[in-house]
C-alpha atoms as a PDB file:
ATOM      1  CA  MET A   1      12.106  38.342  13.198  1.00  0.00           C
ATOM      2  CA  LYS A   2      10.857  34.866  13.999  1.00  0.00           C
ATOM      3  CA  THR A   3       9.362  32.940  11.084  1.00  0.00           C
ATOM      4  CA  THR A   4       6.229  30.900  11.738  1.00  0.00           C
ATOM      5  CA  ILE A   5       6.697  27.353  10.484  1.00  0.00           C
ATOM      6  CA  LYS A   6       3.845  26.337   8.223  1.00  0.00           C
ATOM      7  CA  GLU A   7       1.836  23.222   9.016  1.00  0.00           C
ATOM      8  CA  ILE A   8       1.094  20.725   6.247  1.00  0.00           C
ATOM      9  CA  PRO A   9      -1.853  18.363   6.907  1.00  0.00           C
ATOM     10  CA  ILE A  10      -1.481  14.896   5.380  1.00  0.00           C
ATOM     11  CA  PHE A  11      -4.086  12.140   5.480  1.00  0.00           C
ATOM     12  CA  PHE A  12      -3.829   8.375   5.161  1.00  0.00           C
ATOM     13  CA  ALA A  13      -6.571   5.772   5.582  1.00  0.00           C
ATOM     14  CA  SER A  14      -5.600   2.354   6.906  1.00  0.00           C
ATOM     15  CA  ASP A  15      -6.742  -0.777   8.666  1.00  0.00           C
ATOM     16  CA  ASP A  16      -4.566  -3.380  10.417  1.00  0.00           C
ATOM     17  CA  ASN A  17      -3.634  -5.098   7.155  1.00  0.00           C
ATOM     18  CA  TYR A  18      -2.081  -1.980   5.649  1.00  0.00           C
ATOM     19  CA  VAL A  19      -0.051  -0.895   8.692  1.00  0.00           C
ATOM     20  CA  PRO A  20       3.326  -2.218   7.363  1.00  0.00           C
ATOM     21  CA  LEU A  21       2.780  -0.202   4.177  1.00  0.00           C
ATOM     22  CA  LEU A  22       1.602   2.826   6.127  1.00  0.00           C
ATOM     23  CA  ALA A  23       4.783   2.727   8.208  1.00  0.00           C
ATOM     24  CA  THR A  24       6.966   2.478   5.093  1.00  0.00           C
ATOM     25  CA  ALA A  25       5.139   5.349   3.399  1.00  0.00           C
ATOM     26  CA  ILE A  26       5.428   7.592   6.471  1.00  0.00           C
ATOM     27  CA  LYS A  27       9.125   6.788   6.859  1.00  0.00           C
ATOM     28  CA  SER A  28       9.836   7.808   3.264  1.00  0.00           C
ATOM     29  CA  LEU A  29       7.698  10.949   3.552  1.00  0.00           C
ATOM     30  CA  LEU A  30       9.382  12.246   6.697  1.00  0.00           C
ATOM     31  CA  THR A  31      12.879  11.331   5.496  1.00  0.00           C
ATOM     32  CA  ASN A  32      12.538  13.396   2.321  1.00  0.00           C
ATOM     33  CA  ALA A  33      10.369  16.243   3.638  1.00  0.00           C
ATOM     34  CA  SER A  34      11.672  19.783   3.955  1.00  0.00           C
ATOM     35  CA  LYS A  35      12.588  20.769   7.514  1.00  0.00           C
ATOM     36  CA  GLU A  36      11.041  24.210   6.952  1.00  0.00           C
ATOM     37  CA  TYR A  37       7.570  22.840   7.695  1.00  0.00           C
ATOM     38  CA  THR A  38       5.752  20.851  10.330  1.00  0.00           C
ATOM     39  CA  TYR A  39       3.759  17.843   9.214  1.00  0.00           C
ATOM     40  CA  LYS A  40       0.448  16.935  10.795  1.00  0.00           C
ATOM     41  CA  ILE A  41      -0.230  13.332   9.777  1.00  0.00           C
ATOM     42  CA  TYR A  42      -3.720  11.943  10.311  1.00  0.00           C
ATOM     43  CA  VAL A  43      -4.562   8.266   9.933  1.00  0.00           C
ATOM     44  CA  LEU A  44      -8.265   7.611   9.396  1.00  0.00           C
ATOM     45  CA  THR A  45      -9.208   4.178  10.658  1.00  0.00           C
ATOM     46  CA  THR A  46     -11.889   2.103  12.319  1.00  0.00           C
ATOM     47  CA  ASN A  47      -9.887  -1.075  12.733  1.00  0.00           C
ATOM     48  CA  MET A  48      -6.330  -0.845  14.009  1.00  0.00           C
ATOM     49  CA  SER A  49      -4.863  -2.571  17.050  1.00  0.00           C
ATOM     50  CA  GLN A  50      -3.397  -0.586  19.913  1.00  0.00           C
ATOM     51  CA  ASP A  51       0.104  -1.994  19.554  1.00  0.00           C
ATOM     52  CA  LYS A  52       0.280  -1.085  15.875  1.00  0.00           C
ATOM     53  CA  ARG A  53      -1.001   2.412  16.574  1.00  0.00           C
ATOM     54  CA  GLU A  54       1.740   2.822  19.176  1.00  0.00           C
ATOM     55  CA  LYS A  55       4.461   1.712  16.740  1.00  0.00           C
ATOM     56  CA  ILE A  56       3.234   4.116  14.066  1.00  0.00           C
ATOM     57  CA  ALA A  57       2.904   6.991  16.551  1.00  0.00           C
ATOM     58  CA  GLU A  58       6.525   6.458  17.658  1.00  0.00           C
ATOM     59  CA  MET A  59       7.643   7.303  14.109  1.00  0.00           C
ATOM     60  CA  ALA A  60       6.815  10.985  14.629  1.00  0.00           C
ATOM     61  CA  THR A  61       9.829  13.294  14.396  1.00  0.00           C
ATOM     62  CA  SER A  62      10.665  16.678  15.907  1.00  0.00           C
ATOM     63  CA  ASN A  63       8.757  18.455  13.131  1.00  0.00           C
ATOM     64  CA  SER A  64       5.848  16.031  12.753  1.00  0.00           C
ATOM     65  CA  THR A  65       2.944  14.553  14.659  1.00  0.00           C
ATOM     66  CA  ILE A  66       0.880  11.442  13.958  1.00  0.00           C
ATOM     67  CA  GLU A  67      -2.713  11.208  15.098  1.00  0.00           C
ATOM     68  CA  PHE A  68      -5.227   8.403  14.669  1.00  0.00           C
ATOM     69  CA  ILE A  69      -8.797   9.419  14.011  1.00  0.00           C
ATOM     70  CA  ALA A  70     -11.878   7.418  14.892  1.00  0.00           C
ATOM     71  CA  LEU A  71     -14.374   8.512  12.299  1.00  0.00           C
ATOM     72  CA  ALA A  72     -17.666  10.002  13.415  1.00  0.00           C
ATOM     73  CA  LYS A  73     -20.390   7.475  14.184  1.00  0.00           C
ATOM     74  CA  GLU A  74     -22.564   9.182  11.611  1.00  0.00           C
ATOM     75  CA  LEU A  75     -20.497   7.537   8.875  1.00  0.00           C
ATOM     76  CA  ASP A  76     -21.989   4.194   9.890  1.00  0.00           C
ATOM     77  CA  LYS A  77     -25.251   5.445   8.416  1.00  0.00           C
ATOM     78  CA  VAL A  78     -23.769   5.403   4.923  1.00  0.00           C
ATOM     79  CA  LYS A  79     -21.451   2.386   5.181  1.00  0.00           C
ATOM     80  CA  HIS A  80     -23.887   0.307   3.118  1.00  0.00           C
ATOM     81  CA  LEU A  81     -22.852   2.453   0.144  1.00  0.00           C
ATOM     82  CA  PHE A  82     -19.225   1.319   0.302  1.00  0.00           C
ATOM     83  CA  ARG A  83     -18.795  -1.236  -2.495  1.00  0.00           C
ATOM     84  CA  LEU A  84     -15.951  -3.543  -1.467  1.00  0.00           C
ATOM     85  CA  ARG A  85     -13.985  -5.824  -3.794  1.00  0.00           C
ATOM     86  CA  ASP A  86     -10.627  -7.677  -3.754  1.00  0.00           C
ATOM     87  CA  TYR A  87      -8.068  -5.312  -2.127  1.00  0.00           C
ATOM     88  CA  TYR A  88     -10.592  -2.542  -1.354  1.00  0.00           C
ATOM     89  CA  SER A  89     -11.551  -1.778   2.228  1.00  0.00           C
ATOM     90  CA  LYS A  90     -14.153   0.647   3.508  1.00  0.00           C
ATOM     91  CA  GLU A  91     -11.326   2.965   4.618  1.00  0.00           C
ATOM     92  CA  THR A  92     -10.678   3.852   0.981  1.00  0.00           C
ATOM     93  CA  TYR A  93     -13.971   5.787   0.887  1.00  0.00           C
ATOM     94  CA  TYR A  94     -13.148   7.958   3.891  1.00  0.00           C
ATOM     95  CA  ARG A  95     -11.237  10.475   1.784  1.00  0.00           C
ATOM     96  CA  PHE A  96     -14.631  11.824   0.663  1.00  0.00           C
ATOM     97  CA  PHE A  97     -15.335  13.023   4.199  1.00  0.00           C
ATOM     98  CA  ILE A  98     -12.024  14.728   5.043  1.00  0.00           C
ATOM     99  CA  PRO A  99     -13.378  18.248   4.272  1.00  0.00           C
ATOM    100  CA  ASP A 100     -16.343  17.672   6.612  1.00  0.00           C
ATOM    101  CA  LEU A 101     -14.183  16.207   9.358  1.00  0.00           C
ATOM    102  CA  PHE A 102     -11.532  18.929   9.178  1.00  0.00           C
ATOM    103  CA  PRO A 103     -13.150  22.201   8.098  1.00  0.00           C
ATOM    104  CA  LYS A 104     -10.260  24.165   9.644  1.00  0.00           C
ATOM    105  CA  TYR A 105      -8.027  23.312   6.677  1.00  0.00           C
ATOM    106  CA  LYS A 106      -8.261  25.041   3.300  1.00  0.00           C
ATOM    107  CA  LYS A 107      -6.327  22.284   1.565  1.00  0.00           C
ATOM    108  CA  VAL A 108      -4.827  18.922   2.508  1.00  0.00           C
ATOM    109  CA  ILE A 109      -2.831  16.087   0.990  1.00  0.00           C
ATOM    110  CA  TYR A 110      -4.316  12.611   0.767  1.00  0.00           C
ATOM    111  CA  LEU A 111      -2.016   9.601   0.244  1.00  0.00           C
ATOM    112  CA  ASP A 112      -2.619   5.881  -0.168  1.00  0.00           C
ATOM    113  CA  CYS A 113      -0.511   3.586   1.998  1.00  0.00           C
ATOM    114  CA  ASP A 114       1.072   1.659  -0.887  1.00  0.00           C
ATOM    115  CA  ILE A 115       3.390   4.485  -1.935  1.00  0.00           C
ATOM    116  CA  ILE A 116       6.917   5.737  -1.410  1.00  0.00           C
ATOM    117  CA  VAL A 117       7.522   9.489  -1.228  1.00  0.00           C
ATOM    118  CA  LYS A 118      10.850  10.023  -2.963  1.00  0.00           C
ATOM    119  CA  GLY A 119      10.559  13.802  -3.254  1.00  0.00           C
ATOM    120  CA  ASP A 120       9.723  16.658  -0.909  1.00  0.00           C
ATOM    121  CA  ILE A 121       6.011  16.466  -0.046  1.00  0.00           C
ATOM    122  CA  SER A 122       5.900  20.216   0.697  1.00  0.00           C
ATOM    123  CA  GLU A 123       6.325  20.845  -3.039  1.00  0.00           C
ATOM    124  CA  LEU A 124       3.011  19.082  -3.663  1.00  0.00           C
ATOM    125  CA  TYR A 125       1.278  21.035  -0.917  1.00  0.00           C
ATOM    126  CA  ASN A 126       2.525  24.374  -2.268  1.00  0.00           C
ATOM    127  CA  ILE A 127       0.957  23.886  -5.702  1.00  0.00           C
ATOM    128  CA  ASP A 128      -1.614  26.618  -6.324  1.00  0.00           C
ATOM    129  CA  LEU A 129      -4.968  24.887  -6.755  1.00  0.00           C
ATOM    130  CA  GLY A 130      -6.853  28.000  -7.795  1.00  0.00           C
ATOM    131  CA  ASP A 131     -10.557  27.131  -7.942  1.00  0.00           C
ATOM    132  CA  ASN A 132      -9.913  23.445  -8.662  1.00  0.00           C
ATOM    133  CA  TYR A 133     -11.231  20.782  -6.318  1.00  0.00           C
ATOM    134  CA  VAL A 134      -8.193  18.559  -6.761  1.00  0.00           C
ATOM    135  CA  ALA A 135      -4.707  18.274  -8.213  1.00  0.00           C
ATOM    136  CA  ALA A 136      -3.663  14.732  -9.119  1.00  0.00           C
ATOM    137  CA  SER A 137      -1.730  12.709 -11.692  1.00  0.00           C
ATOM    138  CA  PRO A 138      -3.302  10.593 -14.456  1.00  0.00           C
ATOM    139  CA  GLU A 139      -4.216   6.966 -13.876  1.00  0.00           C
ATOM    140  CA  GLU A 140      -1.248   5.550 -15.768  1.00  0.00           C
ATOM    141  CA  VAL A 141      -2.847   2.170 -16.464  1.00  0.00           C
ATOM    142  CA  PHE A 142      -5.666   3.824 -18.426  1.00  0.00           C
ATOM    143  CA  THR A 143      -3.223   5.801 -20.568  1.00  0.00           C
ATOM    144  CA  LEU A 144      -1.066   2.834 -21.588  1.00  0.00           C
ATOM    145  CA  HIS A 145      -3.130  -0.332 -21.639  1.00  0.00           C
ATOM    146  CA  PRO A 146      -5.189  -0.627 -24.841  1.00  0.00           C
ATOM    147  CA  ASN A 147      -7.765  -2.824 -23.123  1.00  0.00           C
ATOM    148  CA  TYR A 148      -8.551  -0.110 -20.600  1.00  0.00           C
ATOM    149  CA  MET A 149      -8.393   3.146 -22.565  1.00  0.00           C
ATOM    150  CA  ASP A 150     -11.989   3.013 -23.788  1.00  0.00           C
ATOM    151  CA  TYR A 151     -13.422   2.613 -20.301  1.00  0.00           C
ATOM    152  CA  PRO A 152     -13.064   6.191 -18.940  1.00  0.00           C
ATOM    153  CA  ARG A 153     -13.957   7.712 -22.302  1.00  0.00           C
ATOM    154  CA  LYS A 154     -17.049   5.646 -23.121  1.00  0.00           C
ATOM    155  CA  ALA A 155     -18.291   4.637 -19.675  1.00  0.00           C
ATOM    156  CA  LEU A 156     -17.608   7.861 -17.748  1.00  0.00           C
ATOM    157  CA  GLY A 157     -17.230  10.585 -20.376  1.00  0.00           C
ATOM    158  CA  ILE A 158     -13.638  11.331 -19.317  1.00  0.00           C
ATOM    159  CA  GLU A 159     -10.600  11.090 -21.588  1.00  0.00           C
ATOM    160  CA  PRO A 160      -8.038   8.590 -20.223  1.00  0.00           C
ATOM    161  CA  GLU A 161      -5.278  11.225 -20.136  1.00  0.00           C
ATOM    162  CA  VAL A 162      -7.244  13.317 -17.620  1.00  0.00           C
ATOM    163  CA  TYR A 163      -8.751  10.521 -15.534  1.00  0.00           C
ATOM    164  CA  PHE A 164      -6.781  10.922 -12.303  1.00  0.00           C
ATOM    165  CA  ASN A 165      -5.555   8.352  -9.828  1.00  0.00           C
ATOM    166  CA  ALA A 166      -7.017   9.063  -6.387  1.00  0.00           C
ATOM    167  CA  GLY A 167      -4.113   7.577  -4.420  1.00  0.00           C
ATOM    168  CA  VAL A 168      -2.209  10.872  -4.339  1.00  0.00           C
ATOM    169  CA  MET A 169      -4.303  14.035  -4.199  1.00  0.00           C
ATOM    170  CA  LEU A 170      -3.968  17.656  -3.188  1.00  0.00           C
ATOM    171  CA  LEU A 171      -7.505  18.540  -2.127  1.00  0.00           C
ATOM    172  CA  ASN A 172      -9.126  21.958  -2.017  1.00  0.00           C
ATOM    173  CA  THR A 173     -11.068  21.081   1.124  1.00  0.00           C
ATOM    174  CA  GLU A 174     -12.498  24.576   1.446  1.00  0.00           C
ATOM    175  CA  ARG A 175     -14.279  24.355  -1.904  1.00  0.00           C
ATOM    176  CA  LEU A 176     -15.149  20.657  -1.530  1.00  0.00           C
ATOM    177  CA  LEU A 177     -16.926  21.506   1.712  1.00  0.00           C
ATOM    178  CA  LYS A 178     -18.610  24.587   0.278  1.00  0.00           C
ATOM    179  CA  ASP A 179     -19.953  22.628  -2.703  1.00  0.00           C
ATOM    180  CA  LYS A 180     -21.078  19.675  -0.552  1.00  0.00           C
ATOM    181  CA  ILE A 181     -19.109  17.045  -2.465  1.00  0.00           C
ATOM    182  CA  ALA A 182     -19.431  14.437   0.323  1.00  0.00           C
ATOM    183  CA  GLU A 183     -23.207  14.771   0.177  1.00  0.00           C
ATOM    184  CA  LYS A 184     -23.189  14.572  -3.620  1.00  0.00           C
ATOM    185  CA  PHE A 185     -21.096  11.411  -3.374  1.00  0.00           C
ATOM    186  CA  VAL A 186     -23.644   9.796  -1.073  1.00  0.00           C
ATOM    187  CA  ALA A 187     -26.505  10.885  -3.325  1.00  0.00           C
ATOM    188  CA  LEU A 188     -24.750   9.484  -6.414  1.00  0.00           C
ATOM    189  CA  ALA A 189     -23.721   6.242  -4.677  1.00  0.00           C
ATOM    190  CA  GLU A 190     -27.340   5.621  -3.714  1.00  0.00           C
ATOM    191  CA  LYS A 191     -28.421   5.538  -7.347  1.00  0.00           C
ATOM    192  CA  TYR A 192     -25.330   4.400  -9.287  1.00  0.00           C
ATOM    193  CA  THR A 193     -22.673   1.767  -8.561  1.00  0.00           C
ATOM    194  CA  PHE A 194     -19.284   1.742 -10.251  1.00  0.00           C
ATOM    195  CA  ARG A 195     -17.653  -1.676 -10.341  1.00  0.00           C
ATOM    196  CA  ILE A 196     -14.285  -0.987 -11.997  1.00  0.00           C
ATOM    197  CA  VAL A 197     -12.298   1.461  -9.852  1.00  0.00           C
ATOM    198  CA  GLN A 198     -15.153   2.258  -7.458  1.00  0.00           C
ATOM    199  CA  ASP A 199     -14.162   5.215  -5.217  1.00  0.00           C
ATOM    200  CA  GLU A 200     -11.840   6.550  -7.919  1.00  0.00           C
ATOM    201  CA  ASP A 201     -14.659   6.569 -10.466  1.00  0.00           C
ATOM    202  CA  TYR A 202     -16.889   8.531  -8.090  1.00  0.00           C
ATOM    203  CA  LEU A 203     -14.180  11.128  -7.520  1.00  0.00           C
ATOM    204  CA  ASN A 204     -13.471  11.507 -11.217  1.00  0.00           C
ATOM    205  CA  VAL A 205     -17.082  12.072 -12.256  1.00  0.00           C
ATOM    206  CA  LEU A 206     -17.829  14.388  -9.319  1.00  0.00           C
ATOM    207  CA  LEU A 207     -14.698  16.534  -9.732  1.00  0.00           C
ATOM    208  CA  LYS A 208     -14.244  16.325 -13.510  1.00  0.00           C
ATOM    209  CA  ASP A 209     -14.932  19.987 -14.280  1.00  0.00           C
ATOM    210  CA  HIS A 210     -12.613  21.464 -11.652  1.00  0.00           C
ATOM    211  CA  LYS A 211      -9.365  19.488 -11.525  1.00  0.00           C
ATOM    212  CA  MET A 212      -5.680  20.066 -12.167  1.00  0.00           C
ATOM    213  CA  ILE A 213      -3.745  17.255 -13.819  1.00  0.00           C
ATOM    214  CA  LEU A 214      -0.222  16.954 -12.421  1.00  0.00           C
ATOM    215  CA  PRO A 215       2.854  15.390 -14.042  1.00  0.00           C
ATOM    216  CA  LEU A 216       3.256  11.651 -13.598  1.00  0.00           C
ATOM    217  CA  ASP A 217       6.184  12.472 -11.276  1.00  0.00           C
ATOM    218  CA  TRP A 218       3.695  12.746  -8.420  1.00  0.00           C
ATOM    219  CA  ASN A 219       2.136   9.295  -8.889  1.00  0.00           C
ATOM    220  CA  LYS A 220       4.229   6.929 -10.994  1.00  0.00           C
ATOM    221  CA  THR A 221       3.080   3.314 -11.075  1.00  0.00           C
ATOM    222  CA  ALA A 222       5.886   0.830 -10.444  1.00  0.00           C
ATOM    223  CA  PHE A 223       6.091  -0.499 -13.998  1.00  0.00           C
ATOM    224  CA  LYS A 224       8.276   0.398 -16.954  1.00  0.00           C
ATOM    225  CA  ASN A 225       6.950   3.212 -19.123  1.00  0.00           C
ATOM    226  CA  ASP A 226       9.293   3.982 -22.006  1.00  0.00           C
ATOM    227  CA  SER A 227       7.817   7.448 -22.449  1.00  0.00           C
ATOM    228  CA  TYR A 228       8.554   8.456 -18.849  1.00  0.00           C
ATOM    229  CA  ASP A 229      11.878   9.882 -17.655  1.00  0.00           C
ATOM    230  CA  ASP A 230      12.130   9.166 -13.939  1.00  0.00           C
ATOM    231  CA  LYS A 231      14.774  11.787 -13.183  1.00  0.00           C
ATOM    232  CA  ASN A 232      12.085  13.913 -11.486  1.00  0.00           C
ATOM    233  CA  LEU A 233      10.296  11.013  -9.818  1.00  0.00           C
ATOM    234  CA  LYS A 234       8.624  12.161  -6.590  1.00  0.00           C
ATOM    235  CA  ILE A 235       6.066   9.510  -5.587  1.00  0.00           C
ATOM    236  CA  ILE A 236       6.018   5.814  -6.519  1.00  0.00           C
ATOM    237  CA  HIS A 237       2.720   3.911  -6.375  1.00  0.00           C
ATOM    238  CA  TYR A 238       3.014   0.134  -5.884  1.00  0.00           C
ATOM    239  CA  LYS A 239      -0.434  -1.067  -6.926  1.00  0.00           C
ATOM    240  CA  ILE A 240      -2.180  -4.100  -8.413  1.00  0.00           C
ATOM    241  CA  VAL A 241       0.559  -6.614  -9.441  1.00  0.00           C
ATOM    242  CA  TRP A 242       3.444  -4.144  -9.107  1.00  0.00           C
ATOM    243  CA  ARG A 243       3.872  -4.722  -5.369  1.00  0.00           C
ATOM    244  CA  PRO A 244       7.307  -5.729  -4.059  1.00  0.00           C
ATOM    245  CA  TRP A 245       5.767  -7.334  -0.961  1.00  0.00           C
ATOM    246  CA  HIS A 246       3.920  -9.738  -3.303  1.00  0.00           C
ATOM    247  CA  TYR A 247       6.233 -10.033  -6.326  1.00  0.00           C
ATOM    248  CA  GLU A 248       9.963  -9.965  -7.031  1.00  0.00           C
ATOM    249  CA  ASN A 249      11.635  -7.867  -9.743  1.00  0.00           C
ATOM    250  CA  VAL A 250       9.183  -4.993  -9.414  1.00  0.00           C
ATOM    251  CA  LEU A 251      10.431  -1.659 -10.739  1.00  0.00           C
ATOM    252  CA  TYR A 252      11.738   0.605  -7.939  1.00  0.00           C
ATOM    253  CA  GLU A 253      11.596  -2.289  -5.450  1.00  0.00           C
ATOM    254  CA  ASP A 254      15.010  -1.327  -4.066  1.00  0.00           C
ATOM    255  CA  ILE A 255      13.610   2.041  -2.964  1.00  0.00           C
ATOM    256  CA  PHE A 256      10.662   0.369  -1.264  1.00  0.00           C
ATOM    257  CA  TRP A 257      12.801  -2.107   0.658  1.00  0.00           C
ATOM    258  CA  MET A 258      15.292   0.593   1.664  1.00  0.00           C
ATOM    259  CA  PHE A 259      12.557   2.394   3.615  1.00  0.00           C
ATOM    260  CA  ALA A 260      10.793  -0.775   4.762  1.00  0.00           C
ATOM    261  CA  LYS A 261      14.020  -1.872   6.499  1.00  0.00           C
ATOM    262  CA  GLN A 262      13.855   1.283   8.612  1.00  0.00           C
ATOM    263  CA  THR A 263      10.481   0.356  10.122  1.00  0.00           C
ATOM    264  CA  ASP A 264       9.314  -2.191  12.691  1.00  0.00           C
ATOM    265  CA  PHE A 265       7.418  -4.029   9.960  1.00  0.00           C
ATOM    266  CA  TYR A 266      10.202  -5.090   7.596  1.00  0.00           C
ATOM    267  CA  LEU A 267       9.977  -8.765   8.552  1.00  0.00           C
ATOM    268  CA  ASP A 268       6.188  -8.675   8.201  1.00  0.00           C
ATOM    269  CA  LEU A 269       6.550  -7.427   4.631  1.00  0.00           C
ATOM    270  CA  LYS A 270       9.204 -10.036   3.822  1.00  0.00           C
ATOM    271  CA  ASP A 271       6.877 -12.659   5.254  1.00  0.00           C
ATOM    272  CA  LYS A 272       4.088 -11.435   2.967  1.00  0.00           C
ATOM    273  CA  LEU A 273       6.411 -11.843  -0.016  1.00  0.00           C
ATOM    274  CA  SER A 274       7.495 -15.365   0.900  1.00  0.00           C
ATOM    275  CA  HIS A 275       3.930 -16.515   1.506  1.00  0.00           C
ATOM    276  CA  TYR A 276       2.375 -14.986  -1.604  1.00  0.00           C
ATOM    277  CA  ASP A 277       1.916 -18.306  -3.342  1.00  0.00           C
ATOM    278  CA  ASP A 278       0.818 -19.442  -6.794  1.00  0.00           C
ATOM    279  CA  ALA A 279      -2.834 -19.435  -5.771  1.00  0.00           C
ATOM    280  CA  ALA A 280      -2.640 -15.762  -4.782  1.00  0.00           C
ATOM    281  CA  LYS A 281      -0.842 -14.896  -8.013  1.00  0.00           C
ATOM    282  CA  GLN A 282      -3.443 -16.769 -10.023  1.00  0.00           C
ATOM    283  CA  LYS A 283      -6.111 -14.716  -8.275  1.00  0.00           C
ATOM    284  CA  ASP A 284      -4.315 -11.551  -9.423  1.00  0.00           C
ATOM    285  CA  LYS A 285      -4.208 -12.880 -12.977  1.00  0.00           C
ATOM    286  CA  ASP A 286      -7.911 -13.712 -12.832  1.00  0.00           C
ATOM    287  CA  LEU A 287      -8.603 -10.179 -11.634  1.00  0.00           C
ATOM    288  CA  PHE A 288      -6.652  -8.743 -14.549  1.00  0.00           C
ATOM    289  CA  ASP A 289      -8.635 -10.911 -16.957  1.00  0.00           C
ATOM    290  CA  TRP A 290     -11.855  -9.761 -15.313  1.00  0.00           C
ATOM    291  CA  PHE A 291     -10.814  -6.113 -15.674  1.00  0.00           C
ATOM    292  CA  ILE A 292     -10.346  -6.553 -19.406  1.00  0.00           C
ATOM    293  CA  VAL A 293     -13.816  -8.053 -19.805  1.00  0.00           C
ATOM    294  CA  ALA A 294     -15.544  -5.700 -17.347  1.00  0.00           C
ATOM    295  CA  THR A 295     -14.082  -2.479 -18.746  1.00  0.00           C
ATOM    296  CA  LYS A 296     -15.145  -3.514 -22.249  1.00  0.00           C
ATOM    297  CA  GLU A 297     -18.633  -4.432 -21.032  1.00  0.00           C
ATOM    298  CA  ASP A 298     -19.079  -1.160 -19.164  1.00  0.00           C
ATOM    299  CA  ALA A 299     -17.767   0.902 -22.076  1.00  0.00           C
ATOM    300  CA  GLU A 300     -20.379  -0.658 -24.357  1.00  0.00           C
ATOM    301  CA  ASN A 301     -23.232  -0.827 -21.835  1.00  0.00           C
ATOM    302  CA  PRO A 302     -26.146   1.423 -22.953  1.00  0.00           C
ATOM    303  CA  ASN A 303     -26.936   1.993 -19.275  1.00  0.00           C
ATOM    304  CA  ASN A 304     -23.434   3.046 -18.229  1.00  0.00           C
ATOM    305  CA  TYR A 305     -22.849   6.245 -16.276  1.00  0.00           C
ATOM    306  CA  ARG A 306     -22.002   8.456 -19.255  1.00  0.00           C
ATOM    307  CA  LEU A 307     -25.119   7.551 -21.234  1.00  0.00           C
ATOM    308  CA  THR A 308     -27.387   7.556 -18.184  1.00  0.00           C
ATOM    309  CA  HIS A 309     -26.096  10.968 -17.080  1.00  0.00           C
ATOM    310  CA  LYS A 310     -26.441  12.320 -20.602  1.00  0.00           C
ATOM    311  CA  LYS A 311     -30.068  11.175 -20.718  1.00  0.00           C
ATOM    312  CA  VAL A 312     -30.858  12.709 -17.332  1.00  0.00           C
ATOM    313  CA  MET A 313     -29.273  16.029 -18.315  1.00  0.00           C
ATOM    314  CA  LYS A 314     -31.180  16.054 -21.607  1.00  0.00           C
ATOM    315  CA  GLU A 315     -34.521  15.415 -19.918  1.00  0.00           C
ATOM    316  CA  GLY A 316     -33.639  17.817 -17.070  1.00  0.00           C
ATOM    317  CA  GLY A 317     -36.483  20.075 -16.071  1.00  0.00           C
ATOM    318  CA  ILE A 318     -37.397  21.882 -12.895  1.00  0.00           C
ATOM    319  CA  VAL A 319     -39.023  18.792 -11.364  1.00  0.00           C
ATOM    320  CA  SER A 320     -35.839  16.713 -11.513  1.00  0.00           C
ATOM    321  CA  LYS A 321     -33.770  19.618 -10.148  1.00  0.00           C
ATOM    322  CA  LEU A 322     -36.108  20.127  -7.198  1.00  0.00           C
ATOM    323  CA  SER A 323     -36.095  16.383  -6.551  1.00  0.00           C
ATOM    324  CA  TYR A 324     -32.284  16.374  -6.518  1.00  0.00           C
ATOM    325  CA  LEU A 325     -32.101  19.339  -4.124  1.00  0.00           C
ATOM    326  CA  LYS A 326     -34.620  17.702  -1.805  1.00  0.00           C
ATOM    327  CA  LYS A 327     -32.607  14.487  -1.789  1.00  0.00           C
ATOM    328  CA  LEU A 328     -29.366  16.372  -1.194  1.00  0.00           C
ATOM    329  CA  LYS A 329     -30.878  18.075   1.860  1.00  0.00           C
ATOM    330  CA  LYS A 330     -31.964  14.687   3.186  1.00  0.00           C
ATOM    331  CA  VAL A 331     -28.451  13.272   2.691  1.00  0.00           C
ATOM    332  CA  SER A 332     -26.947  16.280   4.448  1.00  0.00           C
ATOM    333  CA  LYS A 333     -29.023  15.527   7.530  1.00  0.00           C
ATOM    334  CA  LEU A 334     -28.149  11.837   7.243  1.00  0.00           C
ATOM    335  CA  ILE A 335     -24.386  12.165   7.390  1.00  0.00           C
ATOM    336  CA  GLY A 336     -24.420  15.207   9.718  1.00  0.00           C
ATOM    337  CA  ILE A 337     -20.684  15.091  10.401  1.00  0.00           C
ATOM    338  CA  LYS A 338     -19.597  17.304  13.294  1.00  0.00           C
ATOM    339  CA  GLY A 339     -15.857  16.976  13.579  1.00  0.00           C
ATOM    340  CA  HIS A 340     -13.839  13.964  14.689  1.00  0.00           C
ATOM    341  CA  ARG A 341     -12.659  12.094  17.728  1.00  0.00           C
ATOM    342  CA  SER A 342      -9.032  11.107  18.199  1.00  0.00           C
ATOM    343  CA  VAL A 343      -8.434   7.534  19.356  1.00  0.00           C
ATOM    344  CA  TYR A 344      -4.686   7.773  19.840  1.00  0.00           C
ATOM    345  CA  GLY A 345      -2.424  10.793  19.816  1.00  0.00           C
ATOM    346  CA  SER A 346       1.084  11.118  18.486  1.00  0.00           C
ATOM    347  CA  ARG A 347       4.471  11.140  20.019  1.00  0.00           C
ATOM    348  CA  LYS A 348       7.343  13.436  19.123  1.00  0.00           C
ATOM    349  CA  LYS A 349      10.883  12.255  19.384  1.00  0.00           C
END
């Protein structure tokens, strides 16, 4: 009896700048993925050159495809809501709209580009989500850094141990679509702006009551954590100042460069490292210093999200509920997403 090979949908979001990292992430994913599945990789983008798309598409294997998606024009109507800062691009917000763009899937994996998949990605996909919107690992920085721990608790009403990092997520797209999470994001973004982790803050407050916290194995930041045993390490996340293409002597950098060498973008990444000068590193340091001040300010701000939301819920009332429903209906018409349009297909070897 012939066995039907199961398809696993995986999403990235990238612009031209992140293509070398995207290529490295895809190479590691496909190298370590079980051959018992097929992998449908989608890259959401609005700004990627043709030659780079071709190089990425050529990385597809016999059991994978890579497709580039031009997002629906309707998303332009809400682009003013995308708060951009330092290394953020508007592509980082597109994960909110995956359920609307791909209603055929019941669940999908979303991955940032600045990762290495060391384990078998099918193991993540096969986790039973139950009724949860998302399964994700904790934001490790918030659990270890004393300057940051108060921020999720006091500013958002979420304990740091269960504030998840949105760079690696298993998403229950069926329930996210049913409960109109994309529309709720737009409605919330219109009235409240997060300045610390931006898109990640929105996801955490919107999904806080229906989430599954995974072991750190699935999203380990590339710094030393004495309490973590990396024998079961599955995904490495090279973020902030722990980026081997910007800094030397980063934890797990040997794994990153091993896969980078197997792509067409190895020299580009080495060039980034050699040209990341003192001015760029000082900018990173300044950002870290700003984080310390900003997280403390937001934690103590009487108008932060947690206190504002608490006040709104306390006042409540039928009038505010009807107003919210009316606004939600308006937002639904505004974004009106009806599928997607592919800009460049994939190639199988």
